[in-house]
Amino acid sequence: MYLHNGSQDYDLMGFTQEQITRDVLDQFESHRQLLGRVYS
């Protein structure tokens, strides 16, 4: 995964589809909460 400021050294190799799905949803929720704090 890459961000504006570069790589997070994020490697999904060896993860199951379920683990990847859960991780994506967790990352999205964290980002949504951050945006809620920034824009409220």
Protein backbone atom coordinates (compact mmCIF):
# COMPACT_ATOMS: atom_id res chain seq x y z
CA MET A 1 0.00 0.00 0.00
CA TYR A 2 1.28 3.46 -0.84
CA LEU A 3 0.36 6.80 0.62
CA HIS A 4 1.04 10.40 -0.31
CA ASN A 5 4.21 10.27 1.78
CA GLY A 6 5.40 6.87 0.48
CA SER A 7 5.18 3.18 1.26
CA GLN A 8 3.93 1.70 4.51
CA ASP A 9 5.91 -1.51 3.88
CA TYR A 10 2.53 -3.19 3.60
CA ASP A 11 2.66 -6.77 2.31
CA LEU A 12 -0.42 -8.94 1.79
CA MET A 13 1.42 -12.04 0.62
CA GLY A 14 0.27 -15.09 2.53
CA PHE A 15 -2.98 -13.51 3.73
CA THR A 16 -6.26 -15.26 3.06
CA GLN A 17 -9.02 -13.47 1.15
CA GLU A 18 -10.97 -13.14 4.40
CA GLN A 19 -7.98 -11.58 6.19
CA ILE A 20 -7.45 -9.09 3.35
CA THR A 21 -11.14 -8.19 3.29
CA ARG A 22 -11.18 -7.62 7.06
CA ASP A 23 -8.01 -5.55 6.88
CA VAL A 24 -9.37 -3.36 4.06
CA LEU A 25 -12.57 -2.76 6.03
CA ASP A 26 -10.60 -1.94 9.19
CA GLN A 27 -8.37 0.48 7.27
CA PHE A 28 -11.43 2.14 5.70
CA GLU A 29 -13.12 2.53 9.09
CA SER A 30 -9.99 4.07 10.60
CA HIS A 31 -9.76 6.51 7.71
CA ARG A 32 -13.47 7.36 7.97
CA GLN A 33 -13.06 8.12 11.67
CA LEU A 34 -10.04 10.31 10.97
CA LEU A 35 -11.99 12.28 8.36
CA GLY A 36 -14.85 12.67 10.82
CA ARG A 37 -12.50 14.22 13.38
CA VAL A 38 -10.83 16.48 10.82
CA TYR A 39 -14.02 17.77 9.19
CA SER A 40 -16.32 18.08 12.19
